[in-house]
Protein backbone atom coordinates (compact mmCIF):
# COMPACT_ATOMS: atom_id res chain seq x y z
CA MET A 1 16.49 0.97 -10.36
CA SER A 2 14.76 3.69 -8.25
CA ARG A 3 11.66 1.36 -7.89
CA TRP A 4 14.00 -1.50 -6.79
CA ARG A 5 15.83 0.86 -4.27
CA ASN A 6 12.34 1.68 -2.72
CA SER A 7 11.25 -2.00 -2.65
CA LEU A 8 11.37 -3.27 0.90
CA SER A 9 11.73 -6.94 -0.60
CA PHE A 10 14.74 -5.63 -2.49
CA ARG A 11 16.41 -4.20 0.60
CA LEU A 12 15.75 -7.25 2.72
CA ALA A 13 17.25 -9.61 0.20
CA LEU A 14 20.39 -7.17 -0.42
CA MET A 15 20.83 -7.24 3.37
CA PHE A 16 20.42 -11.03 3.51
CA ALA A 17 23.13 -11.25 0.87
CA LEU A 18 25.45 -8.83 2.43
CA VAL A 19 25.11 -10.77 5.87
CA SER A 20 25.78 -14.12 4.15
CA THR A 21 28.80 -12.64 2.13
CA CYS A 22 30.21 -11.37 5.44
CA LEU A 23 29.66 -14.71 7.02
CA LEU A 24 30.85 -16.95 4.16
CA GLY A 25 33.80 -14.47 3.69
CA GLY A 26 34.65 -14.84 7.54
CA ILE A 27 34.56 -18.62 7.15
CA GLY A 28 36.69 -18.61 4.08
CA PHE A 29 39.35 -16.37 5.73
CA TYR A 30 39.41 -18.82 8.75
CA LEU A 31 39.73 -21.81 6.49
CA ASN A 32 42.51 -20.20 4.36
CA TYR A 33 44.38 -19.22 7.48
CA SER A 34 43.93 -22.63 9.19
CA LEU A 35 45.10 -24.32 6.15
CA GLN A 36 48.07 -22.16 5.73
CA ARG A 37 49.14 -22.79 9.35
CA GLU A 38 48.52 -26.42 8.88
CA LEU A 39 50.62 -26.85 5.75
CA ALA A 40 53.39 -24.76 7.40
CA TRP A 41 53.45 -26.89 10.57
CA ARG A 42 53.59 -30.10 8.47
CA ASP A 43 56.30 -28.81 6.43
CA ASP A 44 58.37 -27.92 9.56
CA GLN A 45 57.76 -31.29 11.09
CA SER A 46 58.75 -32.98 7.81
CA LEU A 47 61.96 -30.96 7.61
CA LEU A 48 62.96 -31.79 11.33
CA GLY A 49 62.17 -35.35 10.56
CA ARG A 50 64.63 -35.21 7.58
CA LEU A 51 67.26 -33.73 9.76
CA GLU A 52 66.96 -36.55 12.28
CA HIS A 53 66.93 -39.11 9.53
CA ILE A 54 70.11 -37.90 7.94
CA GLN A 55 71.51 -37.76 11.31
CA ALA A 56 70.58 -41.28 11.98
CA LEU A 57 72.27 -42.33 8.68
CA LEU A 58 75.36 -40.55 9.41
CA GLY A 59 75.35 -42.28 12.70
CA GLU A 60 74.91 -45.72 11.21
CA SER A 61 77.50 -44.99 8.50
CA GLN A 62 81.37 -45.29 8.87
CA SER A 63 81.91 -41.85 7.38
CA VAL A 64 80.33 -39.13 5.10
CA THR A 65 82.13 -40.95 2.14
CA GLU A 66 80.14 -44.02 2.92
CA LEU A 67 77.09 -42.10 2.79
CA GLN A 68 77.86 -40.28 -0.49
CA SER A 69 78.43 -43.60 -2.02
CA ARG A 70 75.06 -44.58 -1.32
CA PRO A 71 72.82 -41.65 -2.53
CA GLN A 72 69.63 -43.82 -2.94
CA LEU A 73 69.25 -43.73 0.82
CA TYR A 74 68.41 -40.08 1.03
CA ALA A 75 67.50 -39.46 -2.70
CA ASN A 76 64.69 -41.78 -2.56
CA MET A 77 63.58 -40.13 0.74
CA LEU A 78 63.49 -36.67 -0.94
CA GLY A 79 62.56 -37.42 -4.39
CA ASN A 80 60.73 -34.03 -4.98
CA GLN A 81 61.70 -30.96 -7.09
CA ASP A 82 60.96 -28.82 -4.24
CA SER A 83 63.18 -30.47 -1.66
CA LEU A 84 66.61 -29.46 -0.48
CA LEU A 85 69.34 -31.24 1.30
CA TRP A 86 72.87 -30.24 2.14
CA VAL A 87 75.45 -31.85 4.30
CA LEU A 88 78.26 -29.07 4.89
CA ASP A 89 81.76 -29.75 6.42
CA GLY A 90 83.37 -27.26 8.76
CA GLU A 91 84.64 -25.21 5.91
CA GLY A 92 81.27 -24.76 4.43
CA LYS A 93 81.98 -27.25 1.50
CA ALA A 94 79.00 -29.32 0.52
CA LEU A 95 79.85 -33.02 1.09
CA ILE A 96 76.11 -34.02 0.14
CA SER A 97 73.97 -31.81 -2.07
CA VAL A 98 70.42 -32.42 -3.26
CA ASN A 99 69.49 -29.23 -4.93
CA PRO A 100 67.32 -29.43 -7.98
CA SER A 101 66.87 -25.75 -8.26
CA GLN A 102 70.63 -25.04 -7.96
CA LEU A 103 70.04 -22.68 -5.24
CA PRO A 104 73.08 -21.11 -3.48
CA LEU A 105 74.04 -22.19 -0.17
CA PRO A 106 72.45 -20.10 2.75
CA ARG A 107 74.12 -18.52 5.53
CA LEU A 108 72.81 -19.83 8.85
CA SER A 109 73.40 -19.14 12.66
CA GLU A 110 75.36 -21.72 14.68
CA SER A 111 73.48 -23.70 17.10
CA HIS A 112 73.60 -27.54 18.30
CA GLU A 113 69.80 -27.38 18.58
CA ALA A 114 67.65 -27.86 15.57
CA GLN A 115 66.44 -24.45 14.19
CA LEU A 116 63.86 -23.51 11.54
CA GLY A 117 63.96 -20.36 9.39
CA PHE A 118 62.85 -18.63 6.40
CA ASP A 119 65.06 -17.81 3.34
CA ALA A 120 63.56 -14.87 1.91
CA GLN A 121 65.92 -14.63 -1.16
CA GLN A 122 65.39 -18.20 -2.17
CA GLN A 123 61.63 -18.42 -1.00
CA ALA A 124 62.46 -21.58 0.90
CA ARG A 125 61.79 -22.98 4.34
CA LEU A 126 64.87 -24.25 5.88
CA ALA A 127 65.75 -26.68 9.10
CA TRP A 128 69.45 -27.03 10.15
CA ARG A 129 71.41 -28.62 12.75
CA TYR A 130 75.23 -28.76 13.65
CA THR A 131 76.69 -32.33 14.42
CA GLU A 132 79.82 -34.03 14.70
CA LEU A 133 80.98 -37.33 13.00
CA ASP A 134 84.35 -38.78 13.63
CA GLY A 135 85.50 -35.43 15.20
CA GLN A 136 84.52 -33.68 12.13
CA SER A 137 81.80 -30.86 12.48
CA LEU A 138 78.95 -30.97 10.16
CA LEU A 139 76.14 -28.80 9.19
CA LEU A 140 72.96 -30.56 8.17
CA ILE A 141 70.40 -28.42 6.29
CA ALA A 142 66.98 -29.56 5.03
CA GLY A 143 64.80 -27.20 3.04
CA LYS A 144 61.54 -26.96 1.01
CA LEU A 145 60.78 -24.40 -1.68
CA LEU A 146 57.40 -22.44 -1.11
CA ALA A 147 56.39 -21.79 -4.71
CA PRO A 148 54.44 -25.03 -4.89
CA ARG A 149 52.68 -24.59 -1.54
CA GLU A 150 51.95 -21.00 -2.63
CA GLN A 151 50.53 -22.10 -6.06
CA MET A 152 48.31 -24.48 -4.12
CA LEU A 153 47.08 -21.84 -1.66
CA THR A 154 46.34 -19.38 -4.59
CA ALA A 155 44.24 -21.93 -6.31
CA TYR A 156 42.38 -22.68 -3.08
CA ARG A 157 41.73 -19.26 -2.32
CA LEU A 158 40.45 -18.61 -6.01
CA LYS A 159 37.85 -21.42 -5.38
CA LEU A 160 36.89 -19.77 -1.98
CA LEU A 161 36.16 -16.42 -3.86
CA ILE A 162 34.20 -18.27 -6.60
CA THR A 163 32.32 -20.12 -3.86
CA LEU A 164 31.73 -16.71 -1.96
CA ALA A 165 30.43 -15.06 -5.19
CA VAL A 166 28.06 -17.98 -6.03
CA GLY A 167 26.94 -18.04 -2.39
CA ALA A 168 26.11 -14.24 -2.42
CA LEU A 169 24.12 -14.49 -5.42
CA LEU A 170 22.15 -17.36 -4.24
CA ALA A 171 21.69 -15.61 -0.85
CA PHE A 172 20.40 -12.66 -2.74
CA ALA A 173 18.03 -14.73 -4.76
CA LEU A 174 16.82 -17.00 -1.98
CA GLY A 175 16.41 -13.66 0.25
CA ALA A 176 14.35 -12.16 -2.50
CA VAL A 177 12.05 -15.16 -2.46
CA VAL A 178 11.98 -15.43 1.43
CA SER A 179 11.22 -11.70 1.80
CA ARG A 180 8.70 -11.57 -0.81
CA ARG A 181 6.84 -14.43 0.75
CA GLY A 182 7.46 -13.15 4.21
CA LEU A 183 6.01 -9.72 3.30
CA GLN A 184 2.78 -11.22 1.97
CA PRO A 185 0.88 -10.10 5.11
CA VAL A 186 1.94 -6.59 4.52
CA ARG A 187 0.42 -6.73 0.84
CA THR A 188 -2.67 -8.30 2.23
CA LEU A 189 -3.00 -5.43 4.84
CA ALA A 190 -2.69 -3.05 2.09
CA ARG A 191 -5.20 -4.53 -0.14
CA GLN A 192 -7.59 -4.45 3.03
CA ALA A 193 -6.90 -0.69 3.53
CA GLU A 194 -7.50 0.03 0.00
CA SER A 195 -10.92 -1.29 0.26
CA ILE A 196 -11.92 1.24 2.92
CA ASP A 197 -13.27 4.56 1.59
CA VAL A 198 -15.55 7.33 2.83
CA ARG A 199 -18.56 5.16 2.49
CA ARG A 200 -16.95 2.23 4.39
CA LEU A 201 -15.34 3.80 7.28
CA HIS A 202 -16.97 1.26 9.40
CA LEU A 203 -14.83 -1.56 8.09
CA ARG A 204 -11.76 -2.46 9.99
CA LEU A 205 -8.61 -4.45 9.27
CA ALA A 206 -8.49 -8.07 10.20
CA GLN A 207 -5.93 -8.87 12.99
CA ALA A 208 -6.30 -12.49 13.67
CA ASP A 209 -4.50 -13.88 10.66
CA LEU A 210 -1.57 -11.44 10.80
CA PRO A 211 1.88 -12.18 12.27
CA GLU A 212 2.57 -10.80 15.79
CA GLU A 213 4.82 -7.98 14.35
CA LEU A 214 1.97 -6.56 12.06
CA GLN A 215 -0.76 -6.88 14.69
CA GLY A 216 0.31 -3.67 16.48
CA LEU A 217 0.28 -1.88 13.23
CA ALA A 218 -3.09 -3.11 12.25
CA HIS A 219 -4.49 -2.14 15.77
CA SER A 220 -3.08 1.16 15.37
CA LEU A 221 -4.54 1.78 11.90
CA ASN A 222 -7.95 0.39 13.20
CA GLN A 223 -7.94 2.98 15.92
CA MET A 224 -7.17 5.76 13.34
CA LEU A 225 -10.06 4.52 11.35
CA ALA A 226 -12.30 4.89 14.37
CA ARG A 227 -11.09 8.33 15.17
CA LEU A 228 -11.75 9.00 11.49
CA GLU A 229 -15.18 7.61 11.43
CA VAL A 230 -15.98 9.46 14.63
CA GLY A 231 -14.58 12.72 13.09
CA PHE A 232 -16.24 12.32 9.73
CA GLY A 233 -19.61 11.57 11.66
CA GLN A 234 -19.02 14.78 13.60
CA LEU A 235 -18.27 16.52 10.28
CA SER A 236 -21.28 15.31 8.92
CA ARG A 237 -23.47 16.40 11.94
CA PHE A 238 -21.69 19.69 11.95
CA SER A 239 -22.81 20.26 8.20
CA GLU A 240 -26.22 19.25 9.01
CA ASP A 241 -26.34 21.49 12.11
CA LEU A 242 -24.69 24.25 10.24
CA ALA A 243 -27.27 24.10 7.52
CA HIS A 244 -30.20 24.17 9.89
CA GLU A 245 -28.63 27.06 11.87
CA ILE A 246 -28.12 29.11 8.76
CA ARG A 247 -31.51 28.02 7.25
CA THR A 248 -33.52 29.38 10.18
CA PRO A 249 -32.43 33.06 9.90
CA LEU A 250 -32.54 32.75 6.21
CA SER A 251 -36.14 31.39 6.33
CA ASN A 252 -37.13 34.34 8.69
CA LEU A 253 -35.68 36.74 6.29
CA MET A 254 -37.42 35.25 3.27
CA GLY A 255 -40.64 34.65 5.02
CA GLN A 256 -40.84 38.23 6.44
CA THR A 257 -39.82 39.72 3.23
CA GLU A 258 -42.15 37.86 1.15
CA HIS A 259 -45.17 38.62 3.57
CA THR A 260 -44.26 42.40 3.59
CA LEU A 261 -43.95 42.50 -0.24
CA ARG A 262 -47.43 41.13 -0.83
CA LYS A 263 -49.15 44.55 -0.48
CA GLU A 264 -47.94 48.03 0.06
CA ARG A 265 -47.47 48.89 3.76
CA PRO A 266 -47.01 51.91 5.83
CA LEU A 267 -43.28 53.30 6.27
CA SER A 268 -43.45 51.96 10.01
CA GLU A 269 -43.77 48.44 9.04
CA TYR A 270 -40.81 48.46 6.67
CA GLU A 271 -38.83 50.00 9.66
CA VAL A 272 -39.80 47.05 11.92
CA LEU A 273 -38.96 44.75 9.04
CA LEU A 274 -35.43 46.21 8.56
CA GLY A 275 -34.93 46.08 12.36
CA SER A 276 -35.83 42.44 12.46
CA HIS A 277 -33.59 41.70 9.52
CA GLN A 278 -30.79 43.46 11.35
CA GLU A 279 -31.18 41.08 14.13
CA GLU A 280 -30.90 38.08 11.82
CA TYR A 281 -27.87 39.55 9.98
CA GLU A 282 -26.21 40.00 13.21
CA ARG A 283 -27.25 36.40 14.33
CA LEU A 284 -25.51 35.22 11.00
CA SER A 285 -22.38 37.54 11.44
CA ARG A 286 -21.90 36.06 14.84
CA MET A 287 -22.00 32.48 13.56
CA VAL A 288 -19.52 33.21 10.85
CA ASP A 289 -17.23 34.87 13.01
CA SER A 290 -17.21 32.07 15.36
CA MET A 291 -16.83 29.56 12.70
CA LEU A 292 -13.74 31.37 11.32
CA PHE A 293 -12.30 31.62 14.74
CA LEU A 294 -12.66 27.78 15.17
CA ALA A 295 -11.07 27.31 11.69
CA ARG A 296 -8.05 29.42 12.71
CA THR A 297 -7.53 27.71 15.84
CA GLU A 298 -7.60 24.14 14.58
CA GLN A 299 -4.90 24.92 12.18
CA PRO A 300 -1.72 23.09 12.75
CA GLN A 301 0.39 26.30 12.43
CA ALA A 302 -1.84 28.27 14.66
CA SER A 303 -0.06 30.16 17.43
CA ILE A 304 -0.84 32.30 20.45
CA GLN A 305 0.93 35.10 22.25
CA GLN A 306 1.13 34.10 25.89
CA THR A 307 2.12 36.18 28.99
CA TRP A 308 1.69 36.07 32.60
CA VAL A 309 -1.98 37.28 32.99
CA ASP A 310 -3.24 38.72 36.19
CA LEU A 311 -6.47 36.55 36.62
CA ASN A 312 -7.91 38.73 39.51
CA GLU A 313 -7.78 41.79 37.23
CA LEU A 314 -9.38 39.97 34.18
CA ILE A 315 -12.21 38.38 36.31
CA GLU A 316 -12.94 41.77 37.77
CA GLN A 317 -13.23 43.28 34.20
CA LEU A 318 -15.62 40.48 33.10
CA CYS A 319 -17.68 40.76 36.17
CA GLU A 320 -18.07 44.44 35.63
CA TYR A 321 -19.01 43.62 31.96
CA PHE A 322 -21.67 41.01 32.90
CA GLU A 323 -22.97 42.91 36.00
CA GLY A 324 -25.98 44.35 33.96
CA MET A 325 -26.97 40.83 32.65
CA ALA A 326 -26.56 39.38 36.10
CA GLU A 327 -28.80 42.00 37.74
CA GLU A 328 -31.47 41.31 35.01
CA ALA A 329 -31.38 37.71 35.67
CA ASP A 330 -31.43 38.29 39.63
CA MET A 331 -28.07 36.68 39.84
CA ALA A 332 -24.63 37.62 41.48
CA LEU A 333 -21.17 37.10 40.14
CA LEU A 334 -18.69 36.16 42.94
CA ASN A 335 -14.91 36.55 42.27
CA GLU A 336 -13.25 33.95 44.41
CA VAL A 337 -10.05 33.84 42.41
CA GLY A 338 -8.24 35.83 44.85
CA LEU A 339 -8.95 33.47 47.65
CA PHE A 340 -6.51 30.97 46.12
CA ASN A 341 -5.43 28.23 48.20
CA LYS A 342 -7.17 29.68 51.36
CA GLY A 343 -9.09 27.57 53.85
CA ALA A 344 -12.93 27.60 53.98
CA GLU A 345 -13.14 29.80 56.96
CA ALA A 346 -10.86 32.38 55.41
CA LYS A 347 -13.10 32.28 52.17
CA ARG A 348 -16.10 33.08 54.22
CA THR A 349 -14.42 35.94 56.10
CA LEU A 350 -12.56 37.51 53.01
CA THR A 351 -15.35 36.98 50.50
CA SER A 352 -17.37 39.91 51.88
CA GLU A 353 -14.11 42.10 52.23
CA ARG A 354 -12.94 41.58 48.72
CA VAL A 355 -9.43 41.03 49.81
CA LEU A 356 -7.85 39.54 46.76
CA GLU A 357 -4.47 38.12 46.28
CA PRO A 358 -2.67 38.21 42.84
CA VAL A 359 -2.82 35.04 40.68
CA LYS A 360 -0.93 34.71 37.48
CA VAL A 361 -1.72 32.33 34.70
CA TRP A 362 0.42 31.78 31.57
CA ALA A 363 -2.07 32.28 28.74
CA ASP A 364 -3.05 34.46 25.96
CA GLU A 365 -5.06 37.24 27.50
CA ASP A 366 -7.62 37.93 24.75
CA LEU A 367 -8.33 34.15 24.12
CA LEU A 368 -8.61 33.61 27.94
CA ARG A 369 -10.92 36.57 28.23
CA ARG A 370 -13.10 35.01 25.46
CA ALA A 371 -13.22 31.62 27.01
CA LEU A 372 -14.13 32.87 30.45
CA ALA A 373 -16.74 35.29 28.79
CA ASN A 374 -18.29 32.34 27.04
CA LEU A 375 -18.46 30.25 30.20
CA LEU A 376 -20.12 33.41 32.15
CA SER A 377 -22.57 33.99 29.46
CA ASN A 378 -23.54 30.13 29.48
CA ALA A 379 -24.00 30.41 33.24
CA LEU A 380 -26.16 33.48 33.07
CA ARG A 381 -28.24 31.89 30.52
CA TYR A 382 -28.96 28.37 32.07
CA GLY A 383 -28.21 29.13 35.76
CA ALA A 384 -30.94 29.25 38.30
CA LYS A 385 -32.61 32.50 39.14
CA GLY A 386 -31.52 34.25 42.31
CA GLN A 387 -28.40 31.96 42.73
CA PRO A 388 -24.64 33.14 42.42
CA ILE A 389 -22.23 32.25 39.87
CA ARG A 390 -18.76 31.57 41.40
CA ILE A 391 -15.39 31.93 39.75
CA SER A 392 -12.41 30.47 41.64
CA CYS A 393 -9.31 28.67 40.99
CA ALA A 394 -6.99 25.95 42.47
CA GLN A 395 -3.89 24.19 42.04
CA GLN A 396 -4.28 20.51 40.95
CA ASN A 397 -1.73 18.03 39.59
CA GLN A 398 0.59 20.82 38.40
CA GLN A 399 -2.24 22.61 36.70
CA LEU A 400 -3.98 25.80 37.50
CA VAL A 401 -7.73 25.18 37.25
CA ILE A 402 -10.16 27.96 36.94
CA GLN A 403 -13.66 26.95 37.78
CA VAL A 404 -16.97 28.56 36.87
CA SER A 405 -19.96 27.11 38.86
CA ASN A 406 -23.64 27.81 38.80
CA GLN A 407 -26.55 26.11 40.23
CA GLY A 408 -29.24 24.89 37.61
CA ILE A 409 -30.77 21.96 35.98
CA VAL A 410 -28.59 18.89 36.35
CA ILE A 411 -27.03 17.61 33.02
CA GLU A 412 -27.18 14.11 32.37
CA PRO A 413 -23.79 12.35 32.30
CA SER A 414 -24.32 11.09 28.86
CA GLN A 415 -24.55 14.54 27.72
CA LEU A 416 -21.49 16.08 29.45
CA ALA A 417 -19.16 14.71 26.92
CA LEU A 418 -21.30 16.34 24.00
CA LEU A 419 -21.50 19.74 25.49
CA PHE A 420 -18.58 20.99 23.52
CA GLU A 421 -19.65 19.63 20.34
CA ARG A 422 -20.63 22.25 17.73
CA PHE A 423 -24.21 23.38 17.78
CA TYR A 424 -25.17 20.59 20.32
CA ARG A 425 -28.38 20.97 22.36
CA CYS A 426 -29.06 19.60 25.64
CA ASP A 427 -32.53 20.79 25.24
CA PRO A 428 -33.63 20.96 21.52
CA SER A 429 -36.38 23.07 22.47
CA ARG A 430 -34.14 26.08 23.23
CA ALA A 431 -33.66 27.97 19.90
CA ASN A 432 -31.79 31.03 21.50
CA ARG A 433 -28.14 30.34 20.75
CA GLY A 434 -26.79 33.61 22.40
CA GLN A 435 -23.88 35.83 21.22
CA THR A 436 -21.78 32.81 19.98
CA GLY A 437 -24.32 31.20 17.62
CA GLY A 438 -24.26 27.83 19.39
CA LEU A 439 -20.57 27.63 19.10
CA GLY A 440 -19.52 29.03 22.52
CA LEU A 441 -18.23 25.90 24.21
CA SER A 442 -16.63 24.67 21.06
CA ILE A 443 -14.71 27.82 21.04
CA VAL A 444 -13.54 27.36 24.71
CA ARG A 445 -12.46 23.78 23.87
CA SER A 446 -10.36 25.13 20.95
CA ILE A 447 -8.81 27.83 23.18
CA MET A 448 -7.67 25.40 25.78
CA GLN A 449 -6.15 22.86 23.14
CA LEU A 450 -4.22 26.06 21.91
CA HIS A 451 -2.97 26.42 25.50
CA GLN A 452 -2.00 22.87 25.85
CA GLY A 453 -4.65 22.69 28.57
CA GLU A 454 -8.16 20.99 28.87
CA VAL A 455 -11.67 21.90 29.69
CA ARG A 456 -13.86 19.75 31.96
CA VAL A 457 -17.46 19.79 33.05
CA GLU A 458 -19.05 18.24 36.21
CA SER A 459 -22.78 18.48 37.09
CA ASP A 460 -24.76 17.31 40.13
CA ALA A 461 -27.39 18.39 42.41
CA GLN A 462 -25.33 21.03 44.04
CA SER A 463 -23.99 22.81 40.92
CA THR A 464 -22.68 22.55 37.40
CA ARG A 465 -18.91 23.33 37.06
CA PHE A 466 -17.04 24.22 34.18
CA MET A 467 -13.15 23.77 34.65
CA LEU A 468 -10.34 25.36 32.59
CA ALA A 469 -7.14 23.43 33.40
CA PHE A 470 -3.77 25.47 32.44
CA PRO A 471 -0.23 24.12 32.77
CA SER A 472 1.36 25.86 35.97
CA GLU A 473 4.52 26.53 34.24
CA PRO A 474 5.17 27.72 30.60
CA VAL A 475 5.38 24.94 28.08
């Protein structure tokens, strides 16, 4: 039963049966109501016609006594066990009575107009009229027992209920057949999806033969498969790059150690070997730390502690930290964040005076410091010697954009989108991966995703610009 409840075909068939039952029930109720009204109207017209007929017979007769002597005139007209007829005099005495059921005389209101009424005690429909004959006041009453009509209506309702039940069962059965046939494209889509595995992520679901309602679903699934294929490819490349990155220091460690152990050497050579090993260990440690950081930030439940961070103060701290590296590279770090939203002339004037305005950004201070440190380290490593590195910010489309720009080799447009991939190298010949083990820009992208922001990069003959776009307001 649980399997049936979870079946879409069963649910559709059940809903189809319920709709059909409601529709047939409504039609049956209307037909029953209409038949009941029609029978009641016909009975009323028949009773009024009988009054007129009896009144006409009285008018043609010399007296009531003459009409009593010729009962076939009205007895043949009535002739039914459910029909009633009384002709009463002014004292309520029955002069003519056709009453097969031996019902007592009813009490009626006085009116010269023909009236219709219902006798609840005797379950009969009555029509009556007062008239005069030879100066004598008479009351004409025609009636019809309702029991035969109710028996007929009861049988009619029973047939309607049986028809309704049979119709509901047929609707359910036909609904099951129709829904099962109608859902055949869904089963076809499921079989196609089952044929796609890790080795066949390049396959896509056929959309041409699907109904219009399922084409959107197939399109969405194909897009998901495309994303999975890209993600799986990136994961495969990451595994290869990771193996390569780890293999290099391990090969260095093993080669140097093997070479040293071939013969006995002075203590100084062992000290040099240990120092070289320490550098390789530190490189491996930085790589592992970066990978652990990326793994934590990409968890769905990852959270950050955001506050309003003074961007000027943070940039000043980073400039002081990287000042030594900048001097060695003959480069200068220019903090232009305090010139936020000022004109070009004001920037030229205030840059030398270091007049800064406070700029606040809603972010996790430690993560923001790490992202900017990675960008500054990258700019110092690849920027042109003797050229400044500028850190600025601006308001763009309800975002606070922090920009780190430097002059250097122009990055090809095809390579810009790949810069944030793990271990990606614009120049494969460069083996020095810096303090982040080749994961610095990937870490920057993960940090921005945690802040619901984005990182962008542009490169042309003037400069290469990395931009961190934060929401202007807390989200």
